[in-house]
Amino acid sequence: MSDNSNDSVSTSAPRNAGQPVPLDANAVVTPEEKTQVASKLQTAREKKDVADAAFKSGDVKNALRSYHEALMYLHGLDKNALKSLTGMDAPATPPSSTVDQAASAKDEKTEVDVMLEKIYANMSACHLKQENWKRAIDTADKAIAKNSANSKAHFRKGKALGELGYFEKAEVVLTEAKKIAPNEAPMVDAELARQRAVNRERQKAHDQKLRGWLSRDKKSEGGTL
């Protein structure tokens, strides 16, 4: 089933959406920039809340729409302004090199990073419900990029891979989900068992078709003068 809901979403996004501003410990943030970022962040929270409610009620299409709108506001936020807003302090001991400083800035998570992880993970669940397997994988990957320990994103990616017939890849991803969250092992094991059963049936059907072709070829050869 194809999902074109995101394609029809309004693109009336804030300026600079999709162009994140990197974190700079020495950046000076003006009061106007703080106000602007605070406004966008609040709007993103509200869009996410609407999406979460729609998702819980089973309204997948509107959930995806609101998640997408939340993303439009989150992607362009200035991390320097976010840091100033949330009162995040610099490390007590500064990094010893430019490389260490860049790595420290990259690893420093903001509220936006957490929101993006949750949004992408939930979008993956929505795409699964719509049987849009490729988008389910793509959004799960984005959630995992934000947090490699997101077991739900791993599970959803593994399920989508299995639906596309990539059983070996699915098993690797699902096994990783089980390692991350051992308490979810029964759910993961059930999905693995389901996929293995589907794979066996597909292989059985393939073998039967192959035998049919071989049988027809032999009959054709036997009837040739």
C-alpha atoms as a PDB file:
ATOM      1  CA  MET A   1       0.000   0.000   0.000  1.00  0.00           C
ATOM      2  CA  SER A   2       1.438   3.337  -0.993  1.00  0.00           C
ATOM      3  CA  ASP A   3       1.519   6.324   1.350  1.00  0.00           C
ATOM      4  CA  ASN A   4       1.466   9.718  -0.268  1.00  0.00           C
ATOM      5  CA  SER A   5       0.294  11.585   2.829  1.00  0.00           C
ATOM      6  CA  ASN A   6       3.609  13.347   3.367  1.00  0.00           C
ATOM      7  CA  ASP A   7       3.649  14.555  -0.229  1.00  0.00           C
ATOM      8  CA  SER A   8       0.475  16.574   0.313  1.00  0.00           C
ATOM      9  CA  VAL A   9       1.577  18.193   3.560  1.00  0.00           C
ATOM     10  CA  SER A  10       1.809  21.956   3.567  1.00  0.00           C
ATOM     11  CA  THR A  11       5.377  23.210   3.350  1.00  0.00           C
ATOM     12  CA  SER A  12       4.737  26.477   5.175  1.00  0.00           C
ATOM     13  CA  ALA A  13       7.777  25.831   7.323  1.00  0.00           C
ATOM     14  CA  PRO A  14       9.972  28.224   9.208  1.00  0.00           C
ATOM     15  CA  ARG A  15      12.881  29.747   7.346  1.00  0.00           C
ATOM     16  CA  ASN A  16      16.092  27.694   7.267  1.00  0.00           C
ATOM     17  CA  ALA A  17      14.154  24.458   7.873  1.00  0.00           C
ATOM     18  CA  GLY A  18      16.346  21.500   7.069  1.00  0.00           C
ATOM     19  CA  GLN A  19      19.524  23.546   7.592  1.00  0.00           C
ATOM     20  CA  PRO A  20      20.600  22.878  11.198  1.00  0.00           C
ATOM     21  CA  VAL A  21      23.009  25.367  12.713  1.00  0.00           C
ATOM     22  CA  PRO A  22      25.976  23.612  14.393  1.00  0.00           C
ATOM     23  CA  LEU A  23      26.784  24.034  18.065  1.00  0.00           C
ATOM     24  CA  ASP A  24      29.461  26.654  18.767  1.00  0.00           C
ATOM     25  CA  ALA A  25      30.589  27.091  22.375  1.00  0.00           C
ATOM     26  CA  ASN A  26      31.684  30.671  21.653  1.00  0.00           C
ATOM     27  CA  ALA A  27      28.564  31.777  19.799  1.00  0.00           C
ATOM     28  CA  VAL A  28      26.667  34.812  21.086  1.00  0.00           C
ATOM     29  CA  VAL A  29      22.898  34.391  20.978  1.00  0.00           C
ATOM     30  CA  THR A  30      20.725  37.505  20.859  1.00  0.00           C
ATOM     31  CA  PRO A  31      17.456  37.798  22.813  1.00  0.00           C
ATOM     32  CA  GLU A  32      15.592  37.906  19.492  1.00  0.00           C
ATOM     33  CA  GLU A  33      17.158  34.609  18.419  1.00  0.00           C
ATOM     34  CA  LYS A  34      16.248  33.034  21.752  1.00  0.00           C
ATOM     35  CA  THR A  35      12.645  34.182  21.375  1.00  0.00           C
ATOM     36  CA  GLN A  36      12.432  32.890  17.820  1.00  0.00           C
ATOM     37  CA  VAL A  37      13.860  29.487  18.718  1.00  0.00           C
ATOM     38  CA  ALA A  38      11.626  29.203  21.788  1.00  0.00           C
ATOM     39  CA  SER A  39       8.574  29.914  19.621  1.00  0.00           C
ATOM     40  CA  LYS A  40       9.535  27.326  17.001  1.00  0.00           C
ATOM     41  CA  LEU A  41      10.319  24.746  19.659  1.00  0.00           C
ATOM     42  CA  GLN A  42       6.957  25.274  21.336  1.00  0.00           C
ATOM     43  CA  THR A  43       5.161  24.938  17.996  1.00  0.00           C
ATOM     44  CA  ALA A  44       7.058  21.714  17.314  1.00  0.00           C
ATOM     45  CA  ARG A  45       6.025  20.360  20.731  1.00  0.00           C
ATOM     46  CA  GLU A  46       2.388  21.163  19.983  1.00  0.00           C
ATOM     47  CA  LYS A  47       2.559  19.513  16.547  1.00  0.00           C
ATOM     48  CA  LYS A  48       4.129  16.425  18.106  1.00  0.00           C
ATOM     49  CA  ASP A  49       1.425  16.270  20.795  1.00  0.00           C
ATOM     50  CA  VAL A  50      -1.269  16.408  18.102  1.00  0.00           C
ATOM     51  CA  ALA A  51       0.540  13.681  16.169  1.00  0.00           C
ATOM     52  CA  ASP A  52       0.921  11.492  19.262  1.00  0.00           C
ATOM     53  CA  ALA A  53      -2.803  11.760  19.991  1.00  0.00           C
ATOM     54  CA  ALA A  54      -3.698  10.892  16.392  1.00  0.00           C
ATOM     55  CA  PHE A  55      -1.271   7.972  16.440  1.00  0.00           C
ATOM     56  CA  LYS A  56      -2.753   6.567  19.652  1.00  0.00           C
ATOM     57  CA  SER A  57      -6.280   6.857  18.230  1.00  0.00           C
ATOM     58  CA  GLY A  58      -5.272   4.994  15.073  1.00  0.00           C
ATOM     59  CA  ASP A  59      -5.468   8.024  12.783  1.00  0.00           C
ATOM     60  CA  VAL A  60      -2.219   7.226  10.997  1.00  0.00           C
ATOM     61  CA  LYS A  61      -2.605   9.684   8.126  1.00  0.00           C
ATOM     62  CA  ASN A  62      -3.074  12.726  10.354  1.00  0.00           C
ATOM     63  CA  ALA A  63      -0.377  11.479  12.722  1.00  0.00           C
ATOM     64  CA  LEU A  64       2.113  11.428   9.853  1.00  0.00           C
ATOM     65  CA  ARG A  65       0.986  14.870   8.741  1.00  0.00           C
ATOM     66  CA  SER A  66       1.512  16.415  12.180  1.00  0.00           C
ATOM     67  CA  TYR A  67       4.816  14.609  12.729  1.00  0.00           C
ATOM     68  CA  HIS A  68       6.009  15.987   9.410  1.00  0.00           C
ATOM     69  CA  GLU A  69       4.960  19.501  10.410  1.00  0.00           C
ATOM     70  CA  ALA A  70       6.829  19.132  13.710  1.00  0.00           C
ATOM     71  CA  LEU A  71       9.937  18.095  11.791  1.00  0.00           C
ATOM     72  CA  MET A  72       9.714  21.212   9.636  1.00  0.00           C
ATOM     73  CA  TYR A  73      10.067  23.350  12.758  1.00  0.00           C
ATOM     74  CA  LEU A  74      12.750  21.249  14.438  1.00  0.00           C
ATOM     75  CA  HIS A  75      15.202  20.826  11.577  1.00  0.00           C
ATOM     76  CA  GLY A  76      16.209  24.465  11.293  1.00  0.00           C
ATOM     77  CA  LEU A  77      16.717  25.295  14.957  1.00  0.00           C
ATOM     78  CA  ASP A  78      19.976  26.890  16.053  1.00  0.00           C
ATOM     79  CA  LYS A  79      21.679  24.603  18.590  1.00  0.00           C
ATOM     80  CA  ASN A  80      23.502  27.550  20.107  1.00  0.00           C
ATOM     81  CA  ALA A  81      20.180  29.203  20.925  1.00  0.00           C
ATOM     82  CA  LEU A  82      18.821  25.893  22.212  1.00  0.00           C
ATOM     83  CA  LYS A  83      21.799  25.535  24.519  1.00  0.00           C
ATOM     84  CA  SER A  84      21.211  29.049  25.814  1.00  0.00           C
ATOM     85  CA  LEU A  85      17.500  28.392  26.296  1.00  0.00           C
ATOM     86  CA  THR A  86      17.952  25.165  28.244  1.00  0.00           C
ATOM     87  CA  GLY A  87      20.825  26.470  30.338  1.00  0.00           C
ATOM     88  CA  MET A  88      23.200  23.712  29.300  1.00  0.00           C
ATOM     89  CA  ASP A  89      26.623  24.432  30.747  1.00  0.00           C
ATOM     90  CA  ALA A  90      29.913  23.874  29.001  1.00  0.00           C
ATOM     91  CA  PRO A  91      32.082  20.953  30.241  1.00  0.00           C
ATOM     92  CA  ALA A  92      34.184  21.715  33.321  1.00  0.00           C
ATOM     93  CA  THR A  93      37.320  20.606  31.449  1.00  0.00           C
ATOM     94  CA  PRO A  94      37.362  21.825  27.855  1.00  0.00           C
ATOM     95  CA  PRO A  95      38.244  19.287  25.128  1.00  0.00           C
ATOM     96  CA  SER A  96      42.002  19.119  24.498  1.00  0.00           C
ATOM     97  CA  SER A  97      41.773  19.412  20.734  1.00  0.00           C
ATOM     98  CA  THR A  98      39.598  20.735  17.941  1.00  0.00           C
ATOM     99  CA  VAL A  99      38.649  17.148  17.089  1.00  0.00           C
ATOM    100  CA  ASP A 100      37.632  16.438  20.697  1.00  0.00           C
ATOM    101  CA  GLN A 101      35.650  19.676  20.787  1.00  0.00           C
ATOM    102  CA  ALA A 102      33.768  18.719  17.614  1.00  0.00           C
ATOM    103  CA  ALA A 103      33.063  15.244  18.981  1.00  0.00           C
ATOM    104  CA  SER A 104      31.824  16.699  22.269  1.00  0.00           C
ATOM    105  CA  ALA A 105      29.463  19.074  20.454  1.00  0.00           C
ATOM    106  CA  LYS A 106      28.190  16.247  18.273  1.00  0.00           C
ATOM    107  CA  ASP A 107      27.451  13.989  21.260  1.00  0.00           C
ATOM    108  CA  GLU A 108      25.702  16.722  23.248  1.00  0.00           C
ATOM    109  CA  LYS A 109      21.979  15.999  22.965  1.00  0.00           C
ATOM    110  CA  THR A 110      19.295  18.645  23.134  1.00  0.00           C
ATOM    111  CA  GLU A 111      15.553  18.396  23.581  1.00  0.00           C
ATOM    112  CA  VAL A 112      15.342  18.573  19.790  1.00  0.00           C
ATOM    113  CA  ASP A 113      17.472  15.443  19.387  1.00  0.00           C
ATOM    114  CA  VAL A 114      15.203  13.542  21.767  1.00  0.00           C
ATOM    115  CA  MET A 115      12.072  14.779  20.004  1.00  0.00           C
ATOM    116  CA  LEU A 116      13.455  13.856  16.583  1.00  0.00           C
ATOM    117  CA  GLU A 117      14.235  10.343  17.777  1.00  0.00           C
ATOM    118  CA  LYS A 118      10.695   9.835  19.088  1.00  0.00           C
ATOM    119  CA  ILE A 119       9.070  11.382  16.022  1.00  0.00           C
ATOM    120  CA  TYR A 120      11.013   9.217  13.580  1.00  0.00           C
ATOM    121  CA  ALA A 121      10.355   6.076  15.630  1.00  0.00           C
ATOM    122  CA  ASN A 122       6.621   6.804  15.680  1.00  0.00           C
ATOM    123  CA  MET A 123       6.589   7.654  11.979  1.00  0.00           C
ATOM    124  CA  SER A 124       8.141   4.244  11.354  1.00  0.00           C
ATOM    125  CA  ALA A 125       5.265   2.640  13.260  1.00  0.00           C
ATOM    126  CA  CYS A 126       2.769   4.625  11.165  1.00  0.00           C
ATOM    127  CA  HIS A 127       4.385   3.495   7.926  1.00  0.00           C
ATOM    128  CA  LEU A 128       4.260  -0.113   9.136  1.00  0.00           C
ATOM    129  CA  LYS A 129       0.516   0.210   9.660  1.00  0.00           C
ATOM    130  CA  GLN A 130       0.200   1.521   6.105  1.00  0.00           C
ATOM    131  CA  GLU A 131       2.414  -1.319   4.827  1.00  0.00           C
ATOM    132  CA  ASN A 132       4.832   1.263   3.490  1.00  0.00           C
ATOM    133  CA  TRP A 133       7.871  -0.861   4.246  1.00  0.00           C
ATOM    134  CA  LYS A 134      10.601   1.272   2.677  1.00  0.00           C
ATOM    135  CA  ARG A 135       9.537   4.423   4.515  1.00  0.00           C
ATOM    136  CA  ALA A 136       9.257   2.407   7.715  1.00  0.00           C
ATOM    137  CA  ILE A 137      12.902   1.403   7.302  1.00  0.00           C
ATOM    138  CA  ASP A 138      14.014   4.918   6.407  1.00  0.00           C
ATOM    139  CA  THR A 139      12.371   6.565   9.418  1.00  0.00           C
ATOM    140  CA  ALA A 140      13.520   3.782  11.751  1.00  0.00           C
ATOM    141  CA  ASP A 141      17.083   4.365  10.536  1.00  0.00           C
ATOM    142  CA  LYS A 142      16.737   8.071  11.338  1.00  0.00           C
ATOM    143  CA  ALA A 143      15.547   7.262  14.862  1.00  0.00           C
ATOM    144  CA  ILE A 144      18.455   4.842  15.308  1.00  0.00           C
ATOM    145  CA  ALA A 145      20.865   7.527  14.090  1.00  0.00           C
ATOM    146  CA  LYS A 146      19.654   9.692  16.973  1.00  0.00           C
ATOM    147  CA  ASN A 147      19.803   6.833  19.487  1.00  0.00           C
ATOM    148  CA  SER A 148      21.335   3.489  18.564  1.00  0.00           C
ATOM    149  CA  ALA A 149      19.726   1.949  21.663  1.00  0.00           C
ATOM    150  CA  ASN A 150      16.158   2.577  20.472  1.00  0.00           C
ATOM    151  CA  SER A 151      14.890  -1.002  20.516  1.00  0.00           C
ATOM    152  CA  LYS A 152      11.486  -0.098  19.064  1.00  0.00           C
ATOM    153  CA  ALA A 153      13.098   1.467  16.006  1.00  0.00           C
ATOM    154  CA  HIS A 154      15.230  -1.649  15.527  1.00  0.00           C
ATOM    155  CA  PHE A 155      12.145  -3.848  15.852  1.00  0.00           C
ATOM    156  CA  ARG A 156      10.173  -1.814  13.315  1.00  0.00           C
ATOM    157  CA  LYS A 157      13.072  -1.804  10.876  1.00  0.00           C
ATOM    158  CA  GLY A 158      13.452  -5.571  11.257  1.00  0.00           C
ATOM    159  CA  LYS A 159       9.751  -6.152  10.681  1.00  0.00           C
ATOM    160  CA  ALA A 160       9.762  -3.999   7.540  1.00  0.00           C
ATOM    161  CA  LEU A 161      12.852  -5.764   6.189  1.00  0.00           C
ATOM    162  CA  GLY A 162      11.106  -9.089   6.682  1.00  0.00           C
ATOM    163  CA  GLU A 163       8.009  -7.889   4.857  1.00  0.00           C
ATOM    164  CA  LEU A 164      10.235  -6.964   1.909  1.00  0.00           C
ATOM    165  CA  GLY A 165      11.728 -10.459   1.919  1.00  0.00           C
ATOM    166  CA  TYR A 166      15.117  -9.554   3.398  1.00  0.00           C
ATOM    167  CA  PHE A 167      14.905 -12.243   6.060  1.00  0.00           C
ATOM    168  CA  GLU A 168      18.613 -12.506   6.869  1.00  0.00           C
ATOM    169  CA  LYS A 169      18.942  -8.742   7.339  1.00  0.00           C
ATOM    170  CA  ALA A 170      15.721  -8.701   9.350  1.00  0.00           C
ATOM    171  CA  GLU A 171      17.022 -11.397  11.681  1.00  0.00           C
ATOM    172  CA  VAL A 172      20.195  -9.413  12.378  1.00  0.00           C
ATOM    173  CA  VAL A 173      18.233  -6.245  13.182  1.00  0.00           C
ATOM    174  CA  LEU A 174      15.639  -8.042  15.303  1.00  0.00           C
ATOM    175  CA  THR A 175      18.344  -9.868  17.229  1.00  0.00           C
ATOM    176  CA  GLU A 176      19.929  -6.488  17.958  1.00  0.00           C
ATOM    177  CA  ALA A 177      16.571  -5.228  19.260  1.00  0.00           C
ATOM    178  CA  LYS A 178      16.460  -8.176  21.643  1.00  0.00           C
ATOM    179  CA  LYS A 179      19.990  -7.466  22.881  1.00  0.00           C
ATOM    180  CA  ILE A 180      19.099  -3.834  23.565  1.00  0.00           C
ATOM    181  CA  ALA A 181      15.856  -4.674  25.387  1.00  0.00           C
ATOM    182  CA  PRO A 182      15.873  -8.257  26.752  1.00  0.00           C
ATOM    183  CA  ASN A 183      12.446  -7.666  28.297  1.00  0.00           C
ATOM    184  CA  GLU A 184      11.037  -7.392  24.767  1.00  0.00           C
ATOM    185  CA  ALA A 185      12.431 -10.817  23.799  1.00  0.00           C
ATOM    186  CA  PRO A 186       9.003 -12.551  23.637  1.00  0.00           C
ATOM    187  CA  MET A 187       7.706 -10.002  21.109  1.00  0.00           C
ATOM    188  CA  VAL A 188      10.902 -10.187  19.053  1.00  0.00           C
ATOM    189  CA  ASP A 189      10.974 -13.987  19.151  1.00  0.00           C
ATOM    190  CA  ALA A 190       7.356 -14.096  17.979  1.00  0.00           C
ATOM    191  CA  GLU A 191       8.208 -11.839  15.025  1.00  0.00           C
ATOM    192  CA  LEU A 192      11.262 -13.937  14.172  1.00  0.00           C
ATOM    193  CA  ALA A 193       9.153 -17.102  14.270  1.00  0.00           C
ATOM    194  CA  ARG A 194       6.517 -15.494  12.049  1.00  0.00           C
ATOM    195  CA  GLN A 195       9.096 -14.369   9.510  1.00  0.00           C
ATOM    196  CA  ARG A 196      10.762 -17.780   9.439  1.00  0.00           C
ATOM    197  CA  ALA A 197       7.395 -19.413   8.790  1.00  0.00           C
ATOM    198  CA  VAL A 198       6.670 -16.964   5.969  1.00  0.00           C
ATOM    199  CA  ASN A 199      10.125 -17.590   4.527  1.00  0.00           C
ATOM    200  CA  ARG A 200       9.567 -21.355   4.601  1.00  0.00           C
ATOM    201  CA  GLU A 201       6.253 -20.985   2.786  1.00  0.00           C
ATOM    202  CA  ARG A 202       7.786 -18.720   0.155  1.00  0.00           C
ATOM    203  CA  GLN A 203      10.660 -21.140  -0.348  1.00  0.00           C
ATOM    204  CA  LYS A 204       8.215 -24.041  -0.603  1.00  0.00           C
ATOM    205  CA  ALA A 205       6.160 -22.216  -3.244  1.00  0.00           C
ATOM    206  CA  HIS A 206       9.342 -21.358  -5.144  1.00  0.00           C
ATOM    207  CA  ASP A 207      10.524 -24.974  -5.081  1.00  0.00           C
ATOM    208  CA  GLN A 208       7.149 -26.229  -6.302  1.00  0.00           C
ATOM    209  CA  LYS A 209       7.185 -23.746  -9.167  1.00  0.00           C
ATOM    210  CA  LEU A 210      10.732 -24.778 -10.072  1.00  0.00           C
ATOM    211  CA  ARG A 211       9.769 -28.464 -10.059  1.00  0.00           C
ATOM    212  CA  GLY A 212       6.836 -27.641 -12.313  1.00  0.00           C
ATOM    213  CA  TRP A 213       9.120 -25.948 -14.818  1.00  0.00           C
ATOM    214  CA  LEU A 214      11.567 -28.858 -14.770  1.00  0.00           C
ATOM    215  CA  SER A 215       8.730 -31.345 -15.237  1.00  0.00           C
ATOM    216  CA  ARG A 216       7.394 -29.442 -18.249  1.00  0.00           C
ATOM    217  CA  ASP A 217      10.887 -29.274 -19.748  1.00  0.00           C
ATOM    218  CA  LYS A 218      11.317 -33.043 -19.394  1.00  0.00           C
ATOM    219  CA  LYS A 219       7.949 -33.735 -21.010  1.00  0.00           C
ATOM    220  CA  SER A 220       8.826 -31.372 -23.829  1.00  0.00           C
ATOM    221  CA  GLU A 221      12.142 -33.116 -24.390  1.00  0.00           C
ATOM    222  CA  GLY A 222      10.503 -36.560 -24.273  1.00  0.00           C
ATOM    223  CA  GLY A 223       7.983 -35.615 -26.945  1.00  0.00           C
ATOM    224  CA  THR A 224      10.571 -34.258 -29.350  1.00  0.00           C
ATOM    225  CA  LEU A 225      11.300 -36.450 -32.398  1.00  0.00           C
END
